């Protein structure tokens, strides 16, 4: 069993290791800013704790992050339990996000996926639909990136095997992406 101090030291180590990811974070910010500046919609999804990250990103875009500004178009694909249970019951769980993208997304929209393992079949299916619909994609991953690694327009892989540390860094990154949005998206008032 690790101590609180050991877990804090592990987090500090992961934070330092993530300094090498700053170029990928900048590229991810560019994707989001372009999507929103071009009048497109950002879609986000994940499972479990990563679903919470997707919700967090979307609520900050539609609501507000740090500044009072116009609402930005964003939809969280894991937010509607009726849709999720319908699709998983009538098709399968692997289709819960891809089916929604087929219905709602258009060329130029952006898909953002969150996964600490990178091995979620429903995210792989969503990425395939996004590719078919000519949507750029961004994946925030952990560990070695799993089966999702290399399947997105842009990806950020947290160099850790610890799910908690990965999710903590995903939260920091989504806040950094929101900083870029509020600094660079046009006509925010």
Protein backbone atom coordinates (compact mmCIF):
# COMPACT_ATOMS: atom_id res chain seq x y z
CA UNK A 1 0.00 0.00 0.00
CA UNK A 2 1.40 3.37 -0.98
CA UNK A 3 1.27 6.43 1.22
CA UNK A 4 -0.20 9.82 0.40
CA UNK A 5 3.32 11.21 0.01
CA UNK A 6 4.27 8.42 -2.41
CA UNK A 7 1.17 9.08 -4.52
CA UNK A 8 1.96 12.80 -4.57
CA UNK A 9 5.54 12.06 -5.62
CA UNK A 10 4.22 9.78 -8.37
CA UNK A 11 1.96 12.59 -9.60
CA UNK A 12 4.90 15.01 -9.58
CA UNK A 13 6.91 12.51 -11.65
CA UNK A 14 4.10 12.16 -14.21
CA UNK A 15 3.65 15.94 -14.42
CA UNK A 16 7.36 16.35 -15.19
CA UNK A 17 7.19 13.55 -17.78
CA UNK A 18 4.26 15.33 -19.47
CA UNK A 19 6.37 18.39 -20.25
CA UNK A 20 7.39 16.59 -23.44
CA UNK A 21 3.70 16.55 -24.47
CA UNK A 22 3.40 20.34 -24.77
CA UNK A 23 3.67 20.27 -28.60
CA UNK A 24 0.85 17.67 -28.79
CA UNK A 25 -1.28 19.80 -26.43
CA UNK A 26 -0.70 22.81 -28.68
CA UNK A 27 -1.72 20.78 -31.75
CA UNK A 28 -4.84 19.58 -29.92
CA UNK A 29 -5.72 23.17 -29.09
CA UNK A 30 -5.30 24.08 -32.76
CA UNK A 31 -7.81 21.35 -33.74
CA UNK A 32 -10.41 22.54 -31.25
CA UNK A 33 -9.98 26.23 -32.10
CA UNK A 34 -10.24 25.51 -35.85
CA UNK A 35 -13.38 23.42 -35.33
CA UNK A 36 -15.09 26.15 -33.33
CA UNK A 37 -13.86 29.05 -35.48
CA UNK A 38 -15.17 27.26 -38.57
CA UNK A 39 -18.64 26.94 -37.00
CA UNK A 40 -18.47 23.20 -36.40
CA UNK A 41 -19.43 21.11 -33.37
CA UNK A 42 -17.13 19.32 -30.93
CA UNK A 43 -18.26 15.85 -29.85
CA UNK A 44 -16.68 14.15 -26.83
CA UNK A 45 -16.98 10.69 -25.28
CA UNK A 46 -15.42 8.23 -22.89
CA UNK A 47 -16.28 5.44 -20.45
CA UNK A 48 -16.36 5.57 -16.64
CA UNK A 49 -14.05 8.27 -15.32
CA UNK A 50 -13.21 9.20 -18.90
CA UNK A 51 -16.93 9.80 -19.49
CA UNK A 52 -16.71 12.38 -16.72
CA UNK A 53 -13.80 14.04 -18.55
CA UNK A 54 -15.90 14.19 -21.73
CA UNK A 55 -18.78 15.73 -19.79
CA UNK A 56 -16.41 18.20 -18.14
CA UNK A 57 -14.99 19.40 -21.46
CA UNK A 58 -18.43 19.84 -23.02
CA UNK A 59 -20.01 21.64 -20.07
CA UNK A 60 -17.15 24.13 -20.01
CA UNK A 61 -17.62 24.85 -23.72
CA UNK A 62 -21.40 25.15 -23.65
CA UNK A 63 -21.47 26.91 -20.28
CA UNK A 64 -18.33 28.78 -19.39
CA UNK A 65 -14.79 28.13 -18.28
CA UNK A 66 -13.19 31.34 -17.00
CA UNK A 67 -14.92 34.11 -18.92
CA UNK A 68 -18.48 35.06 -19.70
CA UNK A 69 -18.78 34.45 -23.43
CA UNK A 70 -21.14 32.98 -25.97
CA UNK A 71 -21.95 29.29 -25.73
CA UNK A 72 -19.84 27.06 -27.96
CA UNK A 73 -21.29 24.05 -29.84
CA UNK A 74 -20.34 20.84 -28.06
CA UNK A 75 -22.13 17.55 -27.40
CA UNK A 76 -21.18 14.79 -24.98
CA UNK A 77 -22.05 11.41 -26.49
CA UNK A 78 -22.13 9.63 -23.13
CA UNK A 79 -24.59 12.07 -21.51
CA UNK A 80 -27.99 10.69 -22.57
CA UNK A 81 -28.93 7.45 -20.77
CA UNK A 82 -31.96 6.83 -22.99
CA UNK A 83 -29.85 6.90 -26.16
CA UNK A 84 -27.07 4.83 -24.56
CA UNK A 85 -29.44 2.11 -23.35
CA UNK A 86 -31.41 2.08 -26.61
CA UNK A 87 -28.32 1.61 -28.76
CA UNK A 88 -26.65 -0.89 -26.43
CA UNK A 89 -29.89 -2.90 -26.20
CA UNK A 90 -30.93 -2.78 -29.86
CA UNK A 91 -27.42 -2.99 -31.39
CA UNK A 92 -24.50 -3.44 -29.01
CA UNK A 93 -22.46 -1.47 -26.51
CA UNK A 94 -19.64 -0.97 -29.02
CA UNK A 95 -22.02 1.15 -31.14
CA UNK A 96 -23.18 3.64 -28.48
CA UNK A 97 -21.01 6.50 -29.75
CA UNK A 98 -20.66 5.64 -33.44
CA UNK A 99 -24.43 5.46 -33.95
CA UNK A 100 -24.83 8.96 -32.49
CA UNK A 101 -22.05 10.32 -34.72
CA UNK A 102 -23.80 8.82 -37.76
CA UNK A 103 -26.92 10.81 -36.80
CA UNK A 104 -25.42 14.09 -35.60
CA UNK A 105 -21.90 14.72 -36.87
CA UNK A 106 -20.85 16.32 -40.13
CA UNK A 107 -17.64 16.82 -42.07
CA UNK A 108 -15.44 19.29 -40.20
CA UNK A 109 -16.86 18.55 -36.76
CA UNK A 110 -14.35 17.27 -34.19
CA UNK A 111 -14.45 14.09 -32.10
CA UNK A 112 -12.54 14.09 -28.79
CA UNK A 113 -12.16 10.71 -27.05
CA UNK A 114 -10.88 10.05 -23.54
CA UNK A 115 -9.52 6.64 -22.48
CA UNK A 116 -6.98 5.80 -19.80
CA UNK A 117 -6.35 2.36 -21.39
CA UNK A 118 -6.91 3.13 -25.07
CA UNK A 119 -8.71 -0.17 -25.55
CA UNK A 120 -12.40 0.75 -25.65
CA UNK A 121 -14.19 -0.81 -28.61
CA UNK A 122 -16.91 1.84 -28.58
CA UNK A 123 -14.27 4.55 -29.00
CA UNK A 124 -12.62 2.64 -31.85
CA UNK A 125 -16.01 2.42 -33.60
CA UNK A 126 -16.58 6.15 -33.06
CA UNK A 127 -13.15 6.97 -34.48
CA UNK A 128 -13.93 4.86 -37.57
CA UNK A 129 -17.20 6.73 -38.16
CA UNK A 130 -15.44 10.07 -37.65
CA UNK A 131 -12.84 9.07 -40.22
CA UNK A 132 -15.56 8.02 -42.67
CA UNK A 133 -17.33 11.37 -42.15
CA UNK A 134 -14.06 13.29 -42.64
CA UNK A 135 -13.97 14.60 -39.09
CA UNK A 136 -10.67 15.36 -37.37
CA UNK A 137 -10.17 13.44 -34.13
CA UNK A 138 -8.31 13.95 -30.88
CA UNK A 139 -7.66 11.16 -28.37
CA UNK A 140 -6.44 11.65 -24.82
CA UNK A 141 -4.99 8.30 -23.77
CA UNK A 142 -2.76 6.68 -21.19
CA UNK A 143 -0.43 3.73 -20.70
CA UNK A 144 0.86 2.80 -24.20
CA UNK A 145 -2.18 4.24 -25.98
CA UNK A 146 -3.73 0.80 -26.44
CA UNK A 147 -5.47 -0.13 -29.68
CA UNK A 148 -6.57 3.50 -30.18
CA UNK A 149 -2.96 4.71 -30.52
CA UNK A 150 -2.29 5.93 -34.04
CA UNK A 151 -5.99 6.05 -35.01
CA UNK A 152 -6.59 9.78 -34.39
CA UNK A 153 -5.64 12.97 -36.17
CA UNK A 154 -3.95 14.01 -32.93
CA UNK A 155 -3.30 12.12 -29.72
CA UNK A 156 -1.89 12.79 -26.29
CA UNK A 157 -0.68 9.71 -24.41
CA UNK A 158 0.05 10.21 -20.71
CA UNK A 159 3.26 8.31 -19.82
CA UNK A 160 1.88 6.40 -16.83
CA UNK A 161 0.40 3.00 -16.07
CA UNK A 162 -1.65 4.38 -13.16
CA UNK A 163 -5.24 5.19 -14.15
CA UNK A 164 -5.60 7.84 -11.43
CA UNK A 165 -2.49 9.72 -12.60
CA UNK A 166 -3.66 9.47 -16.23
CA UNK A 167 -7.07 10.91 -15.38
CA UNK A 168 -5.48 13.71 -13.32
CA UNK A 169 -3.37 14.72 -16.30
CA UNK A 170 -6.35 14.47 -18.66
CA UNK A 171 -8.15 16.98 -16.44
CA UNK A 172 -5.18 19.35 -16.51
CA UNK A 173 -4.94 19.01 -20.31
CA UNK A 174 -8.64 19.68 -20.87
CA UNK A 175 -8.28 22.83 -18.75
CA UNK A 176 -5.27 23.87 -20.83
CA UNK A 177 -7.28 23.28 -24.01
CA UNK A 178 -10.06 25.48 -22.62
CA UNK A 179 -7.50 28.22 -21.91
CA UNK A 180 -6.55 28.07 -25.59
CA UNK A 181 -10.20 28.17 -26.68
CA UNK A 182 -10.98 31.23 -24.62
CA UNK A 183 -7.84 32.99 -25.86
CA UNK A 184 -8.18 32.11 -29.55
CA UNK A 185 -11.77 31.40 -30.59
CA UNK A 186 -13.15 34.35 -32.54
CA UNK A 187 -16.28 36.35 -31.66
CA UNK A 188 -16.68 35.02 -28.13
CA UNK A 189 -18.89 37.89 -27.00
